[in-house]
Amino acid sequence: KKDVDKGIDYLIKAYHSASLHIERSMEDFLKCTECSNVLFTYVMSQEKDSPTYASHLQSLKSILQILITKGHKLSDSMSDDGIETKDLIAEYLNSAKKHLEEVEEAQLFV
């Protein structure tokens, strides 16, 4: 359990480093989206009285906010020819927004 928490902490730090490239690369955006989904699943399944739960919620909130902001920039930077790609980004952004709402709601009870 302790190793998993430490791994999550490293994953969060790596995510912040990778997030610098999200707005420039669809591939990086998709990797970060996948990473945020894994983090979301893990953090939301943590025991609510876990000593790391509140900090992991805050980190996840930050990650989702970065993903949403950078995803919008990526979408805006694409030409109108990439309508399918823009639709895909919009789909992922909607999912991230829902996750963000769930995280913010969970923070109310911490």
N, C-alpha and C. Protein backbone atom coordinates (compact mmCIF):
# COMPACT_ATOMS: atom_id res chain seq x y z
N LYS A 1 0.84 -1.21 0.00
CA LYS A 1 0.00 0.00 0.00
C LYS A 1 0.87 1.25 0.00
N LYS A 2 1.91 1.24 0.82
CA LYS A 2 2.82 2.39 0.90
C LYS A 2 3.53 2.59 -0.44
N ASP A 3 3.94 1.47 -1.07
CA ASP A 3 4.61 1.55 -2.37
C ASP A 3 3.68 2.10 -3.45
N VAL A 4 2.42 1.71 -3.38
CA VAL A 4 1.44 2.21 -4.36
C VAL A 4 1.27 3.72 -4.18
N ASP A 5 1.16 4.17 -2.93
CA ASP A 5 1.03 5.61 -2.67
C ASP A 5 2.25 6.37 -3.18
N LYS A 6 3.43 5.81 -2.96
CA LYS A 6 4.65 6.45 -3.44
C LYS A 6 4.66 6.48 -4.97
N GLY A 7 4.22 5.38 -5.58
CA GLY A 7 4.14 5.31 -7.04
C GLY A 7 3.17 6.34 -7.59
N ILE A 8 2.05 6.53 -6.91
CA ILE A 8 1.09 7.55 -7.33
C ILE A 8 1.73 8.93 -7.25
N ASP A 9 2.48 9.17 -6.19
CA ASP A 9 3.16 10.46 -6.05
C ASP A 9 4.13 10.70 -7.22
N TYR A 10 4.88 9.66 -7.60
CA TYR A 10 5.80 9.78 -8.73
C TYR A 10 5.03 10.00 -10.04
N LEU A 11 3.93 9.30 -10.18
CA LEU A 11 3.11 9.44 -11.38
C LEU A 11 2.56 10.86 -11.50
N ILE A 12 2.17 11.43 -10.37
CA ILE A 12 1.68 12.81 -10.36
C ILE A 12 2.78 13.77 -10.79
N LYS A 13 3.99 13.59 -10.27
CA LYS A 13 5.11 14.45 -10.65
C LYS A 13 5.45 14.30 -12.14
N ALA A 14 5.44 13.07 -12.62
CA ALA A 14 5.73 12.82 -14.04
C ALA A 14 4.67 13.46 -14.91
N TYR A 15 3.44 13.40 -14.47
CA TYR A 15 2.33 13.99 -15.22
C TYR A 15 2.55 15.49 -15.38
N HIS A 16 2.94 16.14 -14.29
CA HIS A 16 3.16 17.59 -14.36
C HIS A 16 4.27 17.92 -15.36
N SER A 17 5.30 17.11 -15.41
CA SER A 17 6.37 17.33 -16.39
C SER A 17 5.86 17.13 -17.82
N ALA A 18 5.11 16.06 -18.02
CA ALA A 18 4.60 15.75 -19.36
C ALA A 18 3.56 16.77 -19.82
N SER A 19 2.89 17.39 -18.87
CA SER A 19 1.79 18.29 -19.22
C SER A 19 2.27 19.50 -20.02
N LEU A 20 3.56 19.79 -19.97
CA LEU A 20 4.10 20.91 -20.74
C LEU A 20 3.92 20.69 -22.24
N HIS A 21 3.79 19.43 -22.64
CA HIS A 21 3.73 19.09 -24.07
C HIS A 21 2.31 18.77 -24.54
N ILE A 22 1.36 18.71 -23.63
CA ILE A 22 0.01 18.29 -24.00
C ILE A 22 -0.57 19.15 -25.12
N GLU A 23 -0.36 20.45 -25.02
CA GLU A 23 -1.01 21.34 -25.98
C GLU A 23 -0.37 21.30 -27.36
N ARG A 24 0.76 20.61 -27.49
CA ARG A 24 1.45 20.55 -28.78
C ARG A 24 1.35 19.21 -29.49
N SER A 25 0.90 18.18 -28.76
CA SER A 25 0.95 16.85 -29.33
C SER A 25 -0.29 16.04 -28.95
N MET A 26 -0.98 15.56 -29.95
CA MET A 26 -2.15 14.72 -29.71
C MET A 26 -1.73 13.45 -28.98
N GLU A 27 -0.60 12.90 -29.35
CA GLU A 27 -0.10 11.68 -28.70
C GLU A 27 0.13 11.91 -27.20
N ASP A 28 0.76 13.03 -26.85
CA ASP A 28 0.99 13.36 -25.44
C ASP A 28 -0.33 13.62 -24.72
N PHE A 29 -1.24 14.28 -25.40
CA PHE A 29 -2.56 14.53 -24.82
C PHE A 29 -3.25 13.20 -24.48
N LEU A 30 -3.21 12.26 -25.41
CA LEU A 30 -3.86 10.96 -25.18
C LEU A 30 -3.18 10.19 -24.05
N LYS A 31 -1.84 10.24 -23.98
CA LYS A 31 -1.12 9.58 -22.89
C LYS A 31 -1.50 10.20 -21.54
N CYS A 32 -1.57 11.51 -21.49
CA CYS A 32 -1.92 12.18 -20.24
C CYS A 32 -3.37 11.92 -19.86
N THR A 33 -4.23 11.80 -20.85
CA THR A 33 -5.63 11.47 -20.59
C THR A 33 -5.72 10.08 -19.97
N GLU A 34 -4.99 9.14 -20.56
CA GLU A 34 -4.98 7.78 -20.04
C GLU A 34 -4.44 7.75 -18.61
N CYS A 35 -3.38 8.48 -18.38
CA CYS A 35 -2.77 8.57 -17.06
C CYS A 35 -3.76 9.16 -16.06
N SER A 36 -4.45 10.21 -16.44
CA SER A 36 -5.40 10.84 -15.52
C SER A 36 -6.56 9.89 -15.20
N ASN A 37 -6.94 9.05 -16.16
CA ASN A 37 -8.01 8.08 -15.90
C ASN A 37 -7.56 7.03 -14.88
N VAL A 38 -6.31 6.59 -15.00
CA VAL A 38 -5.76 5.63 -14.03
C VAL A 38 -5.71 6.26 -12.65
N LEU A 39 -5.19 7.48 -12.58
CA LEU A 39 -5.12 8.18 -11.30
C LEU A 39 -6.51 8.38 -10.70
N PHE A 40 -7.46 8.77 -11.52
CA PHE A 40 -8.82 8.99 -11.06
C PHE A 40 -9.38 7.70 -10.44
N THR A 41 -9.23 6.60 -11.14
CA THR A 41 -9.73 5.32 -10.65
C THR A 41 -9.09 4.97 -9.31
N TYR A 42 -7.78 5.14 -9.22
CA TYR A 42 -7.08 4.80 -7.98
C TYR A 42 -7.49 5.73 -6.83
N VAL A 43 -7.41 7.01 -7.05
CA VAL A 43 -7.66 7.97 -5.98
C VAL A 43 -9.10 7.86 -5.47
N MET A 44 -10.05 7.73 -6.38
CA MET A 44 -11.45 7.68 -5.97
C MET A 44 -11.79 6.37 -5.25
N SER A 45 -10.95 5.36 -5.40
CA SER A 45 -11.19 4.10 -4.71
C SER A 45 -10.43 4.01 -3.38
N GLN A 46 -9.61 5.01 -3.08
CA GLN A 46 -8.87 5.02 -1.82
C GLN A 46 -9.84 5.13 -0.65
N GLU A 47 -9.41 4.60 0.48
CA GLU A 47 -10.18 4.78 1.71
C GLU A 47 -10.23 6.26 2.03
N LYS A 48 -11.40 6.74 2.39
CA LYS A 48 -11.57 8.18 2.64
C LYS A 48 -10.77 8.66 3.84
N ASP A 49 -10.41 7.75 4.74
CA ASP A 49 -9.61 8.14 5.91
C ASP A 49 -8.12 7.89 5.72
N SER A 50 -7.74 7.53 4.50
CA SER A 50 -6.32 7.33 4.19
C SER A 50 -5.56 8.64 4.37
N PRO A 51 -4.34 8.57 4.91
CA PRO A 51 -3.58 9.81 5.13
C PRO A 51 -3.20 10.53 3.83
N THR A 52 -3.24 9.83 2.70
CA THR A 52 -2.87 10.45 1.42
C THR A 52 -4.08 10.86 0.58
N TYR A 53 -5.26 10.50 1.03
CA TYR A 53 -6.46 10.74 0.22
C TYR A 53 -6.65 12.21 -0.14
N ALA A 54 -6.60 13.09 0.83
CA ALA A 54 -6.84 14.52 0.57
C ALA A 54 -5.79 15.10 -0.38
N SER A 55 -4.51 14.75 -0.17
CA SER A 55 -3.46 15.29 -1.05
C SER A 55 -3.57 14.71 -2.45
N HIS A 56 -3.95 13.43 -2.55
CA HIS A 56 -4.13 12.84 -3.88
C HIS A 56 -5.32 13.45 -4.60
N LEU A 57 -6.38 13.76 -3.87
CA LEU A 57 -7.53 14.44 -4.48
C LEU A 57 -7.11 15.80 -5.04
N GLN A 58 -6.33 16.54 -4.25
CA GLN A 58 -5.88 17.87 -4.69
C GLN A 58 -4.99 17.75 -5.93
N SER A 59 -4.09 16.77 -5.92
CA SER A 59 -3.21 16.56 -7.09
C SER A 59 -4.02 16.18 -8.31
N LEU A 60 -4.99 15.31 -8.12
CA LEU A 60 -5.84 14.89 -9.23
C LEU A 60 -6.63 16.07 -9.78
N LYS A 61 -7.12 16.91 -8.90
CA LYS A 61 -7.84 18.11 -9.34
C LYS A 61 -6.95 18.98 -10.22
N SER A 62 -5.73 19.18 -9.77
CA SER A 62 -4.76 19.98 -10.53
C SER A 62 -4.48 19.35 -11.89
N ILE A 63 -4.29 18.05 -11.90
CA ILE A 63 -4.01 17.33 -13.14
C ILE A 63 -5.16 17.48 -14.13
N LEU A 64 -6.38 17.32 -13.64
CA LEU A 64 -7.55 17.43 -14.53
C LEU A 64 -7.70 18.86 -15.05
N GLN A 65 -7.42 19.84 -14.21
CA GLN A 65 -7.50 21.23 -14.67
C GLN A 65 -6.46 21.50 -15.76
N ILE A 66 -5.25 20.99 -15.58
CA ILE A 66 -4.20 21.14 -16.60
C ILE A 66 -4.63 20.47 -17.89
N LEU A 67 -5.14 19.24 -17.78
CA LEU A 67 -5.56 18.49 -18.96
C LEU A 67 -6.64 19.24 -19.73
N ILE A 68 -7.60 19.79 -19.02
CA ILE A 68 -8.70 20.52 -19.67
C ILE A 68 -8.18 21.78 -20.36
N THR A 69 -7.37 22.56 -19.65
CA THR A 69 -6.83 23.80 -20.22
C THR A 69 -5.96 23.52 -21.45
N LYS A 70 -5.03 22.59 -21.30
CA LYS A 70 -4.11 22.28 -22.40
C LYS A 70 -4.83 21.58 -23.55
N GLY A 71 -5.83 20.79 -23.23
CA GLY A 71 -6.61 20.12 -24.28
C GLY A 71 -7.35 21.13 -25.15
N HIS A 72 -7.89 22.17 -24.50
CA HIS A 72 -8.55 23.23 -25.27
C HIS A 72 -7.55 23.94 -26.18
N LYS A 73 -6.36 24.20 -25.66
CA LYS A 73 -5.33 24.86 -26.48
C LYS A 73 -4.93 23.99 -27.67
N LEU A 74 -4.81 22.68 -27.42
CA LEU A 74 -4.47 21.76 -28.50
C LEU A 74 -5.56 21.78 -29.57
N SER A 75 -6.80 21.71 -29.14
CA SER A 75 -7.92 21.72 -30.08
C SER A 75 -7.96 23.02 -30.88
N ASP A 76 -7.77 24.14 -30.19
CA ASP A 76 -7.79 25.45 -30.86
C ASP A 76 -6.67 25.60 -31.89
N SER A 77 -5.55 24.91 -31.63
CA SER A 77 -4.39 25.05 -32.53
C SER A 77 -4.52 24.21 -33.79
N MET A 78 -5.50 23.33 -33.83
CA MET A 78 -5.66 22.45 -35.00
C MET A 78 -6.45 23.14 -36.09
N SER A 79 -6.15 22.77 -37.30
CA SER A 79 -6.89 23.33 -38.44
C SER A 79 -8.28 22.72 -38.48
N ASP A 80 -9.14 23.33 -39.23
CA ASP A 80 -10.50 22.83 -39.35
C ASP A 80 -10.57 21.48 -40.06
N ASP A 81 -9.46 21.10 -40.72
CA ASP A 81 -9.42 19.79 -41.40
C ASP A 81 -9.44 18.65 -40.38
N GLY A 82 -9.01 18.93 -39.17
CA GLY A 82 -8.93 17.89 -38.15
C GLY A 82 -10.17 17.79 -37.29
N ILE A 83 -11.33 17.85 -37.93
CA ILE A 83 -12.60 17.85 -37.18
C ILE A 83 -12.79 16.58 -36.38
N GLU A 84 -12.38 15.43 -36.92
CA GLU A 84 -12.50 14.18 -36.17
C GLU A 84 -11.62 14.20 -34.94
N THR A 85 -10.42 14.73 -35.08
CA THR A 85 -9.50 14.84 -33.96
C THR A 85 -10.04 15.80 -32.91
N LYS A 86 -10.59 16.91 -33.37
CA LYS A 86 -11.20 17.87 -32.44
C LYS A 86 -12.36 17.25 -31.68
N ASP A 87 -13.15 16.43 -32.37
CA ASP A 87 -14.27 15.74 -31.72
C ASP A 87 -13.76 14.76 -30.66
N LEU A 88 -12.67 14.07 -30.99
CA LEU A 88 -12.08 13.14 -30.04
C LEU A 88 -11.57 13.88 -28.80
N ILE A 89 -10.90 15.00 -29.02
CA ILE A 89 -10.42 15.81 -27.91
C ILE A 89 -11.59 16.28 -27.06
N ALA A 90 -12.66 16.73 -27.70
CA ALA A 90 -13.85 17.20 -26.98
C ALA A 90 -14.45 16.09 -26.13
N GLU A 91 -14.45 14.89 -26.65
CA GLU A 91 -14.97 13.74 -25.91
C GLU A 91 -14.13 13.50 -24.64
N TYR A 92 -12.81 13.53 -24.80
CA TYR A 92 -11.92 13.34 -23.65
C TYR A 92 -12.06 14.50 -22.66
N LEU A 93 -12.22 15.70 -23.16
CA LEU A 93 -12.37 16.86 -22.27
C LEU A 93 -13.66 16.78 -21.47
N ASN A 94 -14.74 16.31 -22.09
CA ASN A 94 -15.99 16.15 -21.37
C ASN A 94 -15.85 15.12 -20.24
N SER A 95 -15.13 14.05 -20.53
CA SER A 95 -14.88 13.04 -19.51
C SER A 95 -14.04 13.63 -18.36
N ALA A 96 -13.02 14.40 -18.71
CA ALA A 96 -12.17 15.03 -17.69
C ALA A 96 -12.98 16.01 -16.84
N LYS A 97 -13.89 16.72 -17.47
CA LYS A 97 -14.74 17.67 -16.72
C LYS A 97 -15.63 16.93 -15.72
N LYS A 98 -16.18 15.80 -16.14
CA LYS A 98 -17.00 15.00 -15.23
C LYS A 98 -16.17 14.49 -14.06
N HIS A 99 -14.96 14.02 -14.36
CA HIS A 99 -14.06 13.56 -13.30
C HIS A 99 -13.73 14.71 -12.35
N LEU A 100 -13.49 15.89 -12.89
CA LEU A 100 -13.17 17.06 -12.07
C LEU A 100 -14.34 17.38 -11.12
N GLU A 101 -15.56 17.32 -11.63
CA GLU A 101 -16.73 17.56 -10.79
C GLU A 101 -16.81 16.55 -9.65
N GLU A 102 -16.52 15.28 -9.95
CA GLU A 102 -16.55 14.23 -8.91
C GLU A 102 -15.47 14.49 -7.85
N VAL A 103 -14.28 14.91 -8.31
CA VAL A 103 -13.18 15.18 -7.38
C VAL A 103 -13.55 16.36 -6.48
N GLU A 104 -14.08 17.41 -7.08
CA GLU A 104 -14.45 18.60 -6.29
C GLU A 104 -15.55 18.26 -5.28
N GLU A 105 -16.46 17.40 -5.67
CA GLU A 105 -17.51 16.97 -4.74
C GLU A 105 -16.90 16.14 -3.60
N ALA A 106 -15.97 15.24 -3.94
CA ALA A 106 -15.32 14.43 -2.91
C ALA A 106 -14.54 15.30 -1.93
N GLN A 107 -13.95 16.38 -2.43
CA GLN A 107 -13.17 17.27 -1.55
C GLN A 107 -14.06 17.94 -0.50
N LEU A 108 -15.33 18.09 -0.77
CA LEU A 108 -16.25 18.69 0.19
C LEU A 108 -16.38 17.86 1.46
N PHE A 109 -16.09 16.56 1.35
CA PHE A 109 -16.28 15.67 2.47
C PHE A 109 -14.97 15.23 3.14
N VAL A 110 -13.89 15.89 2.79
CA VAL A 110 -12.59 15.55 3.38
C VAL A 110 -12.28 16.49 4.52
